[in-house]
């Protein structure tokens, strides 16, 4: 089953950050470029990122 591709604003909402932050960290999130310009993020990559950063996110006030 193909992975769902998320827009930058969707990823930002899931992470609770500004879309610009998502764009700065796109390399860590496994970005996919469509037509050389359009950025999409595989849902599984975003889920892995969240899981790997969960302890840090839980410590934040």
PDB file of N, CA and C in Angstrom:
ATOM      1  N   UNK A   1       0.842  -1.177   0.000  1.00  0.00           N
ATOM      2  CA  UNK A   1       0.000   0.000   0.000  1.00  0.00           C
ATOM      3  C   UNK A   1       0.889   1.243   0.000  1.00  0.00           C
ATOM      4  N   UNK A   2       0.666   2.180  -0.912  1.00  0.00           N
ATOM      5  CA  UNK A   2       1.522   3.365  -0.993  1.00  0.00           C
ATOM      6  C   UNK A   2       1.342   4.267   0.239  1.00  0.00           C
ATOM      7  N   UNK A   3       2.430   4.935   0.566  1.00  0.00           N
ATOM      8  CA  UNK A   3       2.430   5.851   1.704  1.00  0.00           C
ATOM      9  C   UNK A   3       1.677   7.135   1.349  1.00  0.00           C
ATOM     10  N   UNK A   4       0.958   7.678   2.309  1.00  0.00           N
ATOM     11  CA  UNK A   4       0.259   8.952   2.118  1.00  0.00           C
ATOM     12  C   UNK A   4       1.290  10.063   2.179  1.00  0.00           C
ATOM     13  N   UNK A   5       1.218  11.004   1.242  1.00  0.00           N
ATOM     14  CA  UNK A   5       2.130  12.138   1.227  1.00  0.00           C
ATOM     15  C   UNK A   5       1.434  13.357   1.824  1.00  0.00           C
ATOM     16  N   UNK A   6       2.085  13.969   2.807  1.00  0.00           N
ATOM     17  CA  UNK A   6       1.518  15.105   3.525  1.00  0.00           C
ATOM     18  C   UNK A   6       2.119  16.419   3.046  1.00  0.00           C
ATOM     19  N   UNK A   7       1.307  17.468   3.079  1.00  0.00           N
ATOM     20  CA  UNK A   7       1.784  18.810   2.755  1.00  0.00           C
ATOM     21  C   UNK A   7       2.539  19.373   3.956  1.00  0.00           C
ATOM     22  N   UNK A   8       3.322  20.406   3.702  1.00  0.00           N
ATOM     23  CA  UNK A   8       4.116  21.048   4.755  1.00  0.00           C
ATOM     24  C   UNK A   8       3.232  21.492   5.914  1.00  0.00           C
ATOM     25  N   UNK A   9       2.109  22.116   5.632  1.00  0.00           N
ATOM     26  CA  UNK A   9       1.244  22.621   6.713  1.00  0.00           C
ATOM     27  C   UNK A   9       0.646  21.478   7.530  1.00  0.00           C
ATOM     28  N   UNK A  10       0.386  20.330   6.882  1.00  0.00           N
ATOM     29  CA  UNK A  10      -0.132  19.170   7.613  1.00  0.00           C
ATOM     30  C   UNK A  10       0.908  18.619   8.592  1.00  0.00           C
ATOM     31  N   UNK A  11       2.155  18.566   8.137  1.00  0.00           N
ATOM     32  CA  UNK A  11       3.240  18.104   9.004  1.00  0.00           C
ATOM     33  C   UNK A  11       3.423  19.077  10.167  1.00  0.00           C
ATOM     34  N   UNK A  12       3.373  20.370   9.873  1.00  0.00           N
ATOM     35  CA  UNK A  12       3.523  21.383  10.916  1.00  0.00           C
ATOM     36  C   UNK A  12       2.445  21.238  11.988  1.00  0.00           C
ATOM     37  N   UNK A  13       1.226  20.969  11.574  1.00  0.00           N
ATOM     38  CA  UNK A  13       0.134  20.774  12.537  1.00  0.00           C
ATOM     39  C   UNK A  13       0.389  19.548  13.410  1.00  0.00           C
ATOM     40  N   UNK A  14       0.848  18.469  12.809  1.00  0.00           N
ATOM     41  CA  UNK A  14       1.114  17.243  13.575  1.00  0.00           C
ATOM     42  C   UNK A  14       2.238  17.433  14.579  1.00  0.00           C
ATOM     43  N   UNK A  15       3.232  18.240  14.194  1.00  0.00           N
ATOM     44  CA  UNK A  15       4.379  18.464  15.071  1.00  0.00           C
ATOM     45  C   UNK A  15       4.168  19.623  16.034  1.00  0.00           C
ATOM     46  N   UNK A  16       3.173  20.455  15.766  1.00  0.00           N
ATOM     47  CA  UNK A  16       2.929  21.614  16.611  1.00  0.00           C
ATOM     48  C   UNK A  16       3.965  22.711  16.420  1.00  0.00           C
ATOM     49  N   UNK A  17       4.430  22.863  15.183  1.00  0.00           N
ATOM     50  CA  UNK A  17       5.440  23.875  14.861  1.00  0.00           C
ATOM     51  C   UNK A  17       4.980  24.698  13.662  1.00  0.00           C
ATOM     52  N   UNK A  18       5.708  25.758  13.381  1.00  0.00           N
ATOM     53  CA  UNK A  18       5.430  26.606  12.221  1.00  0.00           C
ATOM     54  C   UNK A  18       5.893  25.883  10.949  1.00  0.00           C
ATOM     55  N   UNK A  19       5.195  26.082   9.822  1.00  0.00           N
ATOM     56  CA  UNK A  19       5.619  25.443   8.567  1.00  0.00           C
ATOM     57  C   UNK A  19       7.070  25.740   8.182  1.00  0.00           C
ATOM     58  N   UNK A  20       7.579  26.901   8.542  1.00  0.00           N
ATOM     59  CA  UNK A  20       8.975  27.231   8.221  1.00  0.00           C
ATOM     60  C   UNK A  20       9.931  26.277   8.944  1.00  0.00           C
ATOM     61  N   UNK A  21       9.561  25.855  10.134  1.00  0.00           N
ATOM     62  CA  UNK A  21      10.385  24.895  10.881  1.00  0.00           C
ATOM     63  C   UNK A  21      10.429  23.558  10.154  1.00  0.00           C
ATOM     64  N   UNK A  22       9.314  23.149   9.606  1.00  0.00           N
ATOM     65  CA  UNK A  22       9.254  21.896   8.833  1.00  0.00           C
ATOM     66  C   UNK A  22      10.185  22.004   7.632  1.00  0.00           C
ATOM     67  N   UNK A  23      10.157  23.134   6.956  1.00  0.00           N
ATOM     68  CA  UNK A  23      11.011  23.308   5.777  1.00  0.00           C
ATOM     69  C   UNK A  23      12.489  23.304   6.144  1.00  0.00           C
ATOM     70  N   UNK A  24      12.839  23.882   7.284  1.00  0.00           N
ATOM     71  CA  UNK A  24      14.239  23.883   7.724  1.00  0.00           C
ATOM     72  C   UNK A  24      14.727  22.480   8.069  1.00  0.00           C
ATOM     73  N   UNK A  25      13.821  21.632   8.541  1.00  0.00           N
ATOM     74  CA  UNK A  25      14.211  20.287   8.981  1.00  0.00           C
ATOM     75  C   UNK A  25      13.769  19.204   7.997  1.00  0.00           C
ATOM     76  N   UNK A  26      13.535  19.605   6.752  1.00  0.00           N
ATOM     77  CA  UNK A  26      13.009  18.660   5.773  1.00  0.00           C
ATOM     78  C   UNK A  26      13.906  17.455   5.561  1.00  0.00           C
ATOM     79  N   UNK A  27      15.203  17.609   5.692  1.00  0.00           N
ATOM     80  CA  UNK A  27      16.118  16.481   5.527  1.00  0.00           C
ATOM     81  C   UNK A  27      15.909  15.397   6.573  1.00  0.00           C
ATOM     82  N   UNK A  28      15.537  15.802   7.776  1.00  0.00           N
ATOM     83  CA  UNK A  28      15.283  14.850   8.859  1.00  0.00           C
ATOM     84  C   UNK A  28      13.929  14.167   8.705  1.00  0.00           C
ATOM     85  N   UNK A  29      13.042  14.777   7.927  1.00  0.00           N
ATOM     86  CA  UNK A  29      11.683  14.276   7.791  1.00  0.00           C
ATOM     87  C   UNK A  29      11.467  13.420   6.547  1.00  0.00           C
ATOM     88  N   UNK A  30      12.481  13.261   5.720  1.00  0.00           N
ATOM     89  CA  UNK A  30      12.346  12.413   4.535  1.00  0.00           C
ATOM     90  C   UNK A  30      11.466  13.013   3.459  1.00  0.00           C
ATOM     91  N   UNK A  31      11.830  14.182   3.013  1.00  0.00           N
ATOM     92  CA  UNK A  31      11.041  14.902   2.013  1.00  0.00           C
ATOM     93  C   UNK A  31      11.083  14.220   0.648  1.00  0.00           C
ATOM     94  N   UNK A  32       9.991  14.350  -0.090  1.00  0.00           N
ATOM     95  CA  UNK A  32       9.898  13.876  -1.469  1.00  0.00           C
ATOM     96  C   UNK A  32       9.593  15.097  -2.325  1.00  0.00           C
ATOM     97  N   UNK A  33      10.385  15.297  -3.381  1.00  0.00           N
ATOM     98  CA  UNK A  33      10.139  16.420  -4.281  1.00  0.00           C
ATOM     99  C   UNK A  33       9.379  15.932  -5.510  1.00  0.00           C
ATOM    100  N   UNK A  34       8.293  16.600  -5.806  1.00  0.00           N
ATOM    101  CA  UNK A  34       7.497  16.286  -6.986  1.00  0.00           C
ATOM    102  C   UNK A  34       7.696  17.399  -8.003  1.00  0.00           C
ATOM    103  N   UNK A  35       7.978  17.049  -9.222  1.00  0.00           N
ATOM    104  CA  UNK A  35       8.226  18.033 -10.283  1.00  0.00           C
ATOM    105  C   UNK A  35       9.353  18.992  -9.931  1.00  0.00           C
ATOM    106  N   UNK A  36      10.258  18.571  -9.049  1.00  0.00           N
ATOM    107  CA  UNK A  36      11.415  19.380  -8.706  1.00  0.00           C
ATOM    108  C   UNK A  36      11.140  20.533  -7.756  1.00  0.00           C
ATOM    109  N   UNK A  37       9.879  20.833  -7.469  1.00  0.00           N
ATOM    110  CA  UNK A  37       9.573  21.997  -6.632  1.00  0.00           C
ATOM    111  C   UNK A  37       8.613  21.703  -5.488  1.00  0.00           C
ATOM    112  N   UNK A  38       7.643  20.884  -5.719  1.00  0.00           N
ATOM    113  CA  UNK A  38       6.598  20.613  -4.728  1.00  0.00           C
ATOM    114  C   UNK A  38       7.128  19.620  -3.698  1.00  0.00           C
ATOM    115  N   UNK A  39       7.036  19.987  -2.430  1.00  0.00           N
ATOM    116  CA  UNK A  39       7.522  19.126  -1.358  1.00  0.00           C
ATOM    117  C   UNK A  39       6.374  18.390  -0.697  1.00  0.00           C
ATOM    118  N   UNK A  40       6.585  17.109  -0.462  1.00  0.00           N
ATOM    119  CA  UNK A  40       5.626  16.285   0.271  1.00  0.00           C
ATOM    120  C   UNK A  40       6.417  15.408   1.229  1.00  0.00           C
ATOM    121  N   UNK A  41       5.768  15.031   2.310  1.00  0.00           N
ATOM    122  CA  UNK A  41       6.416  14.252   3.355  1.00  0.00           C
ATOM    123  C   UNK A  41       5.653  12.955   3.555  1.00  0.00           C
ATOM    124  N   UNK A  42       6.316  11.804   3.371  1.00  0.00           N
ATOM    125  CA  UNK A  42       5.638  10.523   3.595  1.00  0.00           C
ATOM    126  C   UNK A  42       5.161  10.422   5.049  1.00  0.00           C
ATOM    127  N   UNK A  43       3.925  10.010   5.225  1.00  0.00           N
ATOM    128  CA  UNK A  43       3.343   9.912   6.555  1.00  0.00           C
ATOM    129  C   UNK A  43       4.171   8.992   7.465  1.00  0.00           C
ATOM    130  N   UNK A  44       4.703   7.920   6.907  1.00  0.00           N
ATOM    131  CA  UNK A  44       5.501   6.993   7.719  1.00  0.00           C
ATOM    132  C   UNK A  44       6.793   7.649   8.205  1.00  0.00           C
ATOM    133  N   UNK A  45       7.389   8.517   7.389  1.00  0.00           N
ATOM    134  CA  UNK A  45       8.610   9.224   7.792  1.00  0.00           C
ATOM    135  C   UNK A  45       8.323  10.207   8.918  1.00  0.00           C
ATOM    136  N   UNK A  46       7.188  10.881   8.820  1.00  0.00           N
ATOM    137  CA  UNK A  46       6.798  11.832   9.864  1.00  0.00           C
ATOM    138  C   UNK A  46       6.526  11.082  11.165  1.00  0.00           C
ATOM    139  N   UNK A  47       5.845   9.954  11.076  1.00  0.00           N
ATOM    140  CA  UNK A  47       5.560   9.146  12.269  1.00  0.00           C
ATOM    141  C   UNK A  47       6.866   8.656  12.912  1.00  0.00           C
ATOM    142  N   UNK A  48       7.826   8.248  12.103  1.00  0.00           N
ATOM    143  CA  UNK A  48       9.124   7.809  12.627  1.00  0.00           C
ATOM    144  C   UNK A  48       9.861   8.959  13.303  1.00  0.00           C
ATOM    145  N   UNK A  49       9.795  10.132  12.704  1.00  0.00           N
ATOM    146  CA  UNK A  49      10.431  11.319  13.285  1.00  0.00           C
ATOM    147  C   UNK A  49       9.818  11.620  14.650  1.00  0.00           C
ATOM    148  N   UNK A  50       8.499  11.589  14.726  1.00  0.00           N
ATOM    149  CA  UNK A  50       7.811  11.869  15.991  1.00  0.00           C
ATOM    150  C   UNK A  50       8.214  10.835  17.042  1.00  0.00           C
ATOM    151  N   UNK A  51       8.239   9.573  16.658  1.00  0.00           N
ATOM    152  CA  UNK A  51       8.594   8.513  17.609  1.00  0.00           C
ATOM    153  C   UNK A  51      10.031   8.659  18.094  1.00  0.00           C
ATOM    154  N   UNK A  52      10.934   9.006  17.214  1.00  0.00           N
ATOM    155  CA  UNK A  52      12.343   9.130  17.608  1.00  0.00           C
ATOM    156  C   UNK A  52      12.602  10.361  18.459  1.00  0.00           C
ATOM    157  N   UNK A  53      11.727  11.355  18.388  1.00  0.00           N
ATOM    158  CA  UNK A  53      11.898  12.581  19.165  1.00  0.00           C
ATOM    159  C   UNK A  53      10.928  12.677  20.339  1.00  0.00           C
ATOM    160  N   UNK A  54      10.164  11.641  20.569  1.00  0.00           N
ATOM    161  CA  UNK A  54       9.153  11.665  21.632  1.00  0.00           C
ATOM    162  C   UNK A  54       9.735  12.009  23.007  1.00  0.00           C
ATOM    163  N   UNK A  55      10.843  11.386  23.449  1.00  0.00           N
ATOM    164  CA  UNK A  55      11.352  11.733  24.775  1.00  0.00           C
ATOM    165  C   UNK A  55      11.684  13.226  24.899  1.00  0.00           C
ATOM    166  N   UNK A  56      12.253  13.811  23.867  1.00  0.00           N
ATOM    167  CA  UNK A  56      12.575  15.235  23.893  1.00  0.00           C
ATOM    168  C   UNK A  56      11.316  16.082  23.939  1.00  0.00           C
ATOM    169  N   UNK A  57      10.291  15.655  23.226  1.00  0.00           N
ATOM    170  CA  UNK A  57       9.041  16.399  23.193  1.00  0.00           C
ATOM    171  C   UNK A  57       8.323  16.309  24.538  1.00  0.00           C
ATOM    172  N   UNK A  58       8.442  15.176  25.225  1.00  0.00           N
ATOM    173  CA  UNK A  58       7.784  15.011  26.515  1.00  0.00           C
ATOM    174  C   UNK A  58       8.452  15.828  27.605  1.00  0.00           C
ATOM    175  N   UNK A  59       9.754  16.101  27.467  1.00  0.00           N
ATOM    176  CA  UNK A  59      10.477  16.897  28.461  1.00  0.00           C
ATOM    177  C   UNK A  59      10.167  18.377  28.340  1.00  0.00           C
ATOM    178  N   UNK A  60       9.726  18.813  27.161  1.00  0.00           N
ATOM    179  CA  UNK A  60       9.470  20.249  26.950  1.00  0.00           C
ATOM    180  C   UNK A  60       8.330  20.713  27.851  1.00  0.00           C
ATOM    181  N   UNK A  61       8.473  21.912  28.427  1.00  0.00           N
ATOM    182  CA  UNK A  61       7.418  22.423  29.319  1.00  0.00           C
ATOM    183  C   UNK A  61       6.148  22.750  28.581  1.00  0.00           C
TER     184      UNK A  61
END
